[in-house]
Amino acid sequence: MNQLFNAQGEQVPARPDWDSHKEAIVEMAMDTLFAEKYCDFEGSDIESLKSNLLDSYYSNIDEYDLAKKFESDGWDVNRDFIAALENVCGHLAMAERTLVSSWFDDNKPVAPFNVGDELIVNGEVGVISEIFKHSPAYFGVKMPGMDENTCRLVKFEDAVPHLKVLSINKE
């Protein structure tokens, strides 16, 4: 993990994620979910829904697997409930993205590497082609054999430089 810094050389706090900020993410998601004109849940469901999400949800969980966990906790699970959970998961993902965007705006981390630098990604060497504009603090990394319009996304803090070893000729 790379420690990130801002332009003034000050350390930036860790990027928020589900594991470190789940209570805040669930709270934000419930606020937007229950503010919808046609919310799939009753107001009386909010505390139980929050509790189940805090216990069972994790980033990128399949809604069907999440529904099974809800069912084991006594919720009436059917096709409509799974569709409602898809909506809930969308709100959770949006809340996490909002939290990360706020973190980025508040801290303004500087990229620890430059475009053109080589990184090791899943055991392969790739080249940083861009600072990704659609997600905060990500590199776009071109990998060998990839289509010219695709790249791997690597968080600034997860980037691992490819260090070249120079041989010394002892002749």
C-alpha atoms as a PDB file:
ATOM      1  CA  MET A   1       0.000   0.000   0.000  1.00  0.00           C
ATOM      2  CA  ASN A   2       1.339   3.413  -0.939  1.00  0.00           C
ATOM      3  CA  GLN A   3       0.830   6.198   1.561  1.00  0.00           C
ATOM      4  CA  LEU A   4      -0.765   9.047  -0.373  1.00  0.00           C
ATOM      5  CA  PHE A   5       0.119  12.718  -0.020  1.00  0.00           C
ATOM      6  CA  ASN A   6      -1.435  15.962  -1.224  1.00  0.00           C
ATOM      7  CA  ALA A   7       0.403  18.687  -3.165  1.00  0.00           C
ATOM      8  CA  GLN A   8       1.625  20.229   0.118  1.00  0.00           C
ATOM      9  CA  GLY A   9       3.299  16.950   1.122  1.00  0.00           C
ATOM     10  CA  GLU A  10       0.751  16.191   3.855  1.00  0.00           C
ATOM     11  CA  GLN A  11      -0.368  12.599   4.352  1.00  0.00           C
ATOM     12  CA  VAL A  12      -3.828  11.824   3.038  1.00  0.00           C
ATOM     13  CA  PRO A  13      -6.102   9.603   5.146  1.00  0.00           C
ATOM     14  CA  ALA A  14      -6.950   6.181   3.739  1.00  0.00           C
ATOM     15  CA  ARG A  15      -9.586   5.994   1.019  1.00  0.00           C
ATOM     16  CA  PRO A  16     -12.964   5.219   2.618  1.00  0.00           C
ATOM     17  CA  ASP A  17     -14.430   1.828   1.779  1.00  0.00           C
ATOM     18  CA  TRP A  18     -17.193  -0.484   2.973  1.00  0.00           C
ATOM     19  CA  ASP A  19     -15.069  -2.115   5.661  1.00  0.00           C
ATOM     20  CA  SER A  20     -13.998   1.153   7.273  1.00  0.00           C
ATOM     21  CA  HIS A  21     -17.170   3.221   6.786  1.00  0.00           C
ATOM     22  CA  LYS A  22     -20.103   0.812   6.529  1.00  0.00           C
ATOM     23  CA  GLU A  23     -22.265   2.612   9.109  1.00  0.00           C
ATOM     24  CA  ALA A  24     -21.958   5.925   7.247  1.00  0.00           C
ATOM     25  CA  ILE A  25     -22.540   4.243   3.874  1.00  0.00           C
ATOM     26  CA  VAL A  26     -25.683   2.456   5.097  1.00  0.00           C
ATOM     27  CA  GLU A  27     -26.988   5.682   6.660  1.00  0.00           C
ATOM     28  CA  MET A  28     -26.429   7.627   3.430  1.00  0.00           C
ATOM     29  CA  ALA A  29     -28.039   4.863   1.360  1.00  0.00           C
ATOM     30  CA  MET A  30     -31.085   4.654   3.630  1.00  0.00           C
ATOM     31  CA  ASP A  31     -31.550   8.423   3.404  1.00  0.00           C
ATOM     32  CA  THR A  32     -31.682   8.332  -0.395  1.00  0.00           C
ATOM     33  CA  LEU A  33     -33.632   5.051  -0.571  1.00  0.00           C
ATOM     34  CA  PHE A  34     -36.401   6.160   1.775  1.00  0.00           C
ATOM     35  CA  ALA A  35     -36.560   9.593   0.105  1.00  0.00           C
ATOM     36  CA  GLU A  36     -37.657   7.943  -3.176  1.00  0.00           C
ATOM     37  CA  LYS A  37     -41.241   8.619  -4.198  1.00  0.00           C
ATOM     38  CA  TYR A  38     -41.946   4.885  -4.541  1.00  0.00           C
ATOM     39  CA  CYS A  39     -39.699   3.192  -1.985  1.00  0.00           C
ATOM     40  CA  ASP A  40     -39.967  -0.618  -1.968  1.00  0.00           C
ATOM     41  CA  PHE A  41     -39.808  -0.716   1.838  1.00  0.00           C
ATOM     42  CA  GLU A  42     -42.041   0.578   4.614  1.00  0.00           C
ATOM     43  CA  GLY A  43     -40.712   3.168   7.028  1.00  0.00           C
ATOM     44  CA  SER A  44     -41.015   0.568   9.780  1.00  0.00           C
ATOM     45  CA  ASP A  45     -38.463  -1.617   7.915  1.00  0.00           C
ATOM     46  CA  ILE A  46     -35.604   0.863   8.135  1.00  0.00           C
ATOM     47  CA  GLU A  47     -33.941  -0.276  11.379  1.00  0.00           C
ATOM     48  CA  SER A  48     -34.182  -3.970  10.511  1.00  0.00           C
ATOM     49  CA  LEU A  49     -32.946  -3.284   6.977  1.00  0.00           C
ATOM     50  CA  LYS A  50     -29.980  -1.301   8.319  1.00  0.00           C
ATOM     51  CA  SER A  51     -29.118  -4.043  10.789  1.00  0.00           C
ATOM     52  CA  ASN A  52     -29.262  -6.776   8.155  1.00  0.00           C
ATOM     53  CA  LEU A  53     -27.156  -4.755   5.728  1.00  0.00           C
ATOM     54  CA  LEU A  54     -24.511  -4.060   8.363  1.00  0.00           C
ATOM     55  CA  ASP A  55     -24.366  -7.779   9.179  1.00  0.00           C
ATOM     56  CA  SER A  56     -24.674  -9.293   5.689  1.00  0.00           C
ATOM     57  CA  TYR A  57     -23.703  -6.853   2.941  1.00  0.00           C
ATOM     58  CA  TYR A  58     -20.222  -6.517   1.468  1.00  0.00           C
ATOM     59  CA  SER A  59     -19.030  -4.749  -1.670  1.00  0.00           C
ATOM     60  CA  ASN A  60     -20.037  -6.516  -4.887  1.00  0.00           C
ATOM     61  CA  ILE A  61     -22.213  -9.130  -3.160  1.00  0.00           C
ATOM     62  CA  ASP A  62     -24.667 -10.825  -5.482  1.00  0.00           C
ATOM     63  CA  GLU A  63     -28.225  -9.729  -4.640  1.00  0.00           C
ATOM     64  CA  TYR A  64     -29.399 -13.346  -4.704  1.00  0.00           C
ATOM     65  CA  ASP A  65     -26.809 -14.299  -2.057  1.00  0.00           C
ATOM     66  CA  LEU A  66     -27.780 -11.251  -0.032  1.00  0.00           C
ATOM     67  CA  ALA A  67     -31.462 -12.234  -0.314  1.00  0.00           C
ATOM     68  CA  LYS A  68     -30.652 -15.692   1.072  1.00  0.00           C
ATOM     69  CA  LYS A  69     -29.085 -14.033   4.118  1.00  0.00           C
ATOM     70  CA  PHE A  70     -32.174 -11.852   4.557  1.00  0.00           C
ATOM     71  CA  GLU A  71     -34.422 -14.903   4.220  1.00  0.00           C
ATOM     72  CA  SER A  72     -32.505 -16.711   6.957  1.00  0.00           C
ATOM     73  CA  ASP A  73     -33.178 -13.656   9.148  1.00  0.00           C
ATOM     74  CA  GLY A  74     -36.938 -13.949   8.614  1.00  0.00           C
ATOM     75  CA  TRP A  75     -37.581 -11.635   5.674  1.00  0.00           C
ATOM     76  CA  ASP A  76     -40.181 -12.741   3.115  1.00  0.00           C
ATOM     77  CA  VAL A  77     -38.001 -13.200   0.040  1.00  0.00           C
ATOM     78  CA  ASN A  78     -39.440 -13.435  -3.471  1.00  0.00           C
ATOM     79  CA  ARG A  79     -38.636 -12.029  -6.906  1.00  0.00           C
ATOM     80  CA  ASP A  80     -39.906  -8.567  -5.948  1.00  0.00           C
ATOM     81  CA  PHE A  81     -37.782  -8.552  -2.803  1.00  0.00           C
ATOM     82  CA  ILE A  82     -34.672  -9.423  -4.821  1.00  0.00           C
ATOM     83  CA  ALA A  83     -35.482  -6.549  -7.202  1.00  0.00           C
ATOM     84  CA  ALA A  84     -35.848  -4.260  -4.177  1.00  0.00           C
ATOM     85  CA  LEU A  85     -32.453  -5.465  -2.904  1.00  0.00           C
ATOM     86  CA  GLU A  86     -30.917  -4.613  -6.284  1.00  0.00           C
ATOM     87  CA  ASN A  87     -32.163  -1.070  -5.721  1.00  0.00           C
ATOM     88  CA  VAL A  88     -30.762  -1.060  -2.164  1.00  0.00           C
ATOM     89  CA  CYS A  89     -27.378  -2.279  -3.452  1.00  0.00           C
ATOM     90  CA  GLY A  90     -27.421   0.529  -6.016  1.00  0.00           C
ATOM     91  CA  HIS A  91     -27.983   3.063  -3.237  1.00  0.00           C
ATOM     92  CA  LEU A  92     -25.159   1.519  -1.192  1.00  0.00           C
ATOM     93  CA  ALA A  93     -22.770   1.657  -4.164  1.00  0.00           C
ATOM     94  CA  MET A  94     -23.745   5.275  -4.858  1.00  0.00           C
ATOM     95  CA  ALA A  95     -23.246   6.206  -1.193  1.00  0.00           C
ATOM     96  CA  GLU A  96     -19.772   4.634  -1.230  1.00  0.00           C
ATOM     97  CA  ARG A  97     -18.886   6.474  -4.464  1.00  0.00           C
ATOM     98  CA  THR A  98     -20.120   9.738  -2.917  1.00  0.00           C
ATOM     99  CA  LEU A  99     -17.993   9.158   0.175  1.00  0.00           C
ATOM    100  CA  VAL A 100     -14.907   8.430  -1.966  1.00  0.00           C
ATOM    101  CA  SER A 101     -15.545  11.526  -4.106  1.00  0.00           C
ATOM    102  CA  SER A 102     -15.779  13.655  -0.958  1.00  0.00           C
ATOM    103  CA  TRP A 103     -12.555  12.097   0.336  1.00  0.00           C
ATOM    104  CA  PHE A 104     -10.841  12.947  -2.954  1.00  0.00           C
ATOM    105  CA  ASP A 105     -12.191  16.518  -3.048  1.00  0.00           C
ATOM    106  CA  ASP A 106     -11.253  17.137   0.598  1.00  0.00           C
ATOM    107  CA  ASN A 107      -7.746  15.628   0.407  1.00  0.00           C
ATOM    108  CA  LYS A 108      -6.667  15.968  -3.239  1.00  0.00           C
ATOM    109  CA  PRO A 109      -4.164  13.087  -3.258  1.00  0.00           C
ATOM    110  CA  VAL A 110      -1.345  13.405  -5.771  1.00  0.00           C
ATOM    111  CA  ALA A 111      -0.580  10.453  -8.034  1.00  0.00           C
ATOM    112  CA  PRO A 112       2.476   8.610  -6.660  1.00  0.00           C
ATOM    113  CA  PHE A 113       3.608   7.670 -10.187  1.00  0.00           C
ATOM    114  CA  ASN A 114       3.565   9.325 -13.605  1.00  0.00           C
ATOM    115  CA  VAL A 115       1.973   8.499 -16.924  1.00  0.00           C
ATOM    116  CA  GLY A 116       4.469   6.259 -18.718  1.00  0.00           C
ATOM    117  CA  ASP A 117       5.731   4.568 -15.541  1.00  0.00           C
ATOM    118  CA  GLU A 118       5.543   0.784 -15.400  1.00  0.00           C
ATOM    119  CA  LEU A 119       3.458  -0.984 -12.757  1.00  0.00           C
ATOM    120  CA  ILE A 120       3.077  -4.620 -11.806  1.00  0.00           C
ATOM    121  CA  VAL A 121      -0.574  -5.643 -12.013  1.00  0.00           C
ATOM    122  CA  ASN A 122      -1.485  -9.229 -11.141  1.00  0.00           C
ATOM    123  CA  GLY A 123       2.066 -10.367 -11.879  1.00  0.00           C
ATOM    124  CA  GLU A 124       2.269  -8.643 -15.270  1.00  0.00           C
ATOM    125  CA  VAL A 125       4.009  -5.404 -16.210  1.00  0.00           C
ATOM    126  CA  GLY A 126       1.799  -2.648 -17.591  1.00  0.00           C
ATOM    127  CA  VAL A 127       2.271   1.036 -18.394  1.00  0.00           C
ATOM    128  CA  ILE A 128       0.299   3.884 -16.831  1.00  0.00           C
ATOM    129  CA  SER A 129      -1.589   5.410 -19.740  1.00  0.00           C
ATOM    130  CA  GLU A 130      -3.693   7.928 -17.826  1.00  0.00           C
ATOM    131  CA  ILE A 131      -4.953   9.267 -14.550  1.00  0.00           C
ATOM    132  CA  PHE A 132      -8.471   7.874 -14.812  1.00  0.00           C
ATOM    133  CA  LYS A 133     -11.018  10.691 -14.940  1.00  0.00           C
ATOM    134  CA  HIS A 134     -14.176   8.772 -14.055  1.00  0.00           C
ATOM    135  CA  SER A 135     -13.127   7.425 -10.649  1.00  0.00           C
ATOM    136  CA  PRO A 136     -11.048   9.378  -8.133  1.00  0.00           C
ATOM    137  CA  ALA A 137      -7.390   8.460  -7.600  1.00  0.00           C
ATOM    138  CA  TYR A 138      -7.114   5.638 -10.145  1.00  0.00           C
ATOM    139  CA  PHE A 139      -4.550   4.946 -12.827  1.00  0.00           C
ATOM    140  CA  GLY A 140      -5.483   3.532 -16.213  1.00  0.00           C
ATOM    141  CA  VAL A 141      -2.839   0.876 -16.929  1.00  0.00           C
ATOM    142  CA  LYS A 142      -2.307  -0.616 -20.395  1.00  0.00           C
ATOM    143  CA  MET A 143      -1.390  -4.276 -20.225  1.00  0.00           C
ATOM    144  CA  PRO A 144       0.329  -6.364 -22.925  1.00  0.00           C
ATOM    145  CA  GLY A 145      -2.113  -7.720 -25.480  1.00  0.00           C
ATOM    146  CA  MET A 146      -4.971  -5.456 -24.408  1.00  0.00           C
ATOM    147  CA  ASP A 147      -7.158  -3.689 -26.911  1.00  0.00           C
ATOM    148  CA  GLU A 148      -6.079  -0.057 -27.377  1.00  0.00           C
ATOM    149  CA  ASN A 149      -9.382   1.167 -25.888  1.00  0.00           C
ATOM    150  CA  THR A 150      -9.095  -0.812 -22.645  1.00  0.00           C
ATOM    151  CA  CYS A 151      -7.006  -0.555 -19.532  1.00  0.00           C
ATOM    152  CA  ARG A 152      -6.889  -1.940 -16.022  1.00  0.00           C
ATOM    153  CA  LEU A 153      -7.862   0.381 -13.205  1.00  0.00           C
ATOM    154  CA  VAL A 154      -5.462   0.535 -10.280  1.00  0.00           C
ATOM    155  CA  LYS A 155      -6.000   2.642  -7.161  1.00  0.00           C
ATOM    156  CA  PHE A 156      -3.144   5.060  -6.460  1.00  0.00           C
ATOM    157  CA  GLU A 157      -2.521   3.402  -3.104  1.00  0.00           C
ATOM    158  CA  ASP A 158      -2.411  -0.114  -4.615  1.00  0.00           C
ATOM    159  CA  ALA A 159       0.024   0.683  -7.445  1.00  0.00           C
ATOM    160  CA  VAL A 160       3.228  -1.375  -7.378  1.00  0.00           C
ATOM    161  CA  PRO A 161       6.126   0.007  -9.434  1.00  0.00           C
ATOM    162  CA  HIS A 162       8.063  -2.251 -11.758  1.00  0.00           C
ATOM    163  CA  LEU A 163      11.647  -1.738 -10.755  1.00  0.00           C
ATOM    164  CA  LYS A 164      14.150  -2.357 -13.509  1.00  0.00           C
ATOM    165  CA  VAL A 165      17.382  -3.994 -12.491  1.00  0.00           C
ATOM    166  CA  LEU A 166      20.421  -2.703 -14.296  1.00  0.00           C
ATOM    167  CA  SER A 167      23.202  -5.177 -14.818  1.00  0.00           C
ATOM    168  CA  ILE A 168      26.763  -4.093 -14.280  1.00  0.00           C
ATOM    169  CA  ASN A 169      29.180  -5.452 -16.827  1.00  0.00           C
ATOM    170  CA  LYS A 170      32.326  -6.587 -14.981  1.00  0.00           C
ATOM    171  CA  GLU A 171      34.680  -6.971 -17.908  1.00  0.00           C
END
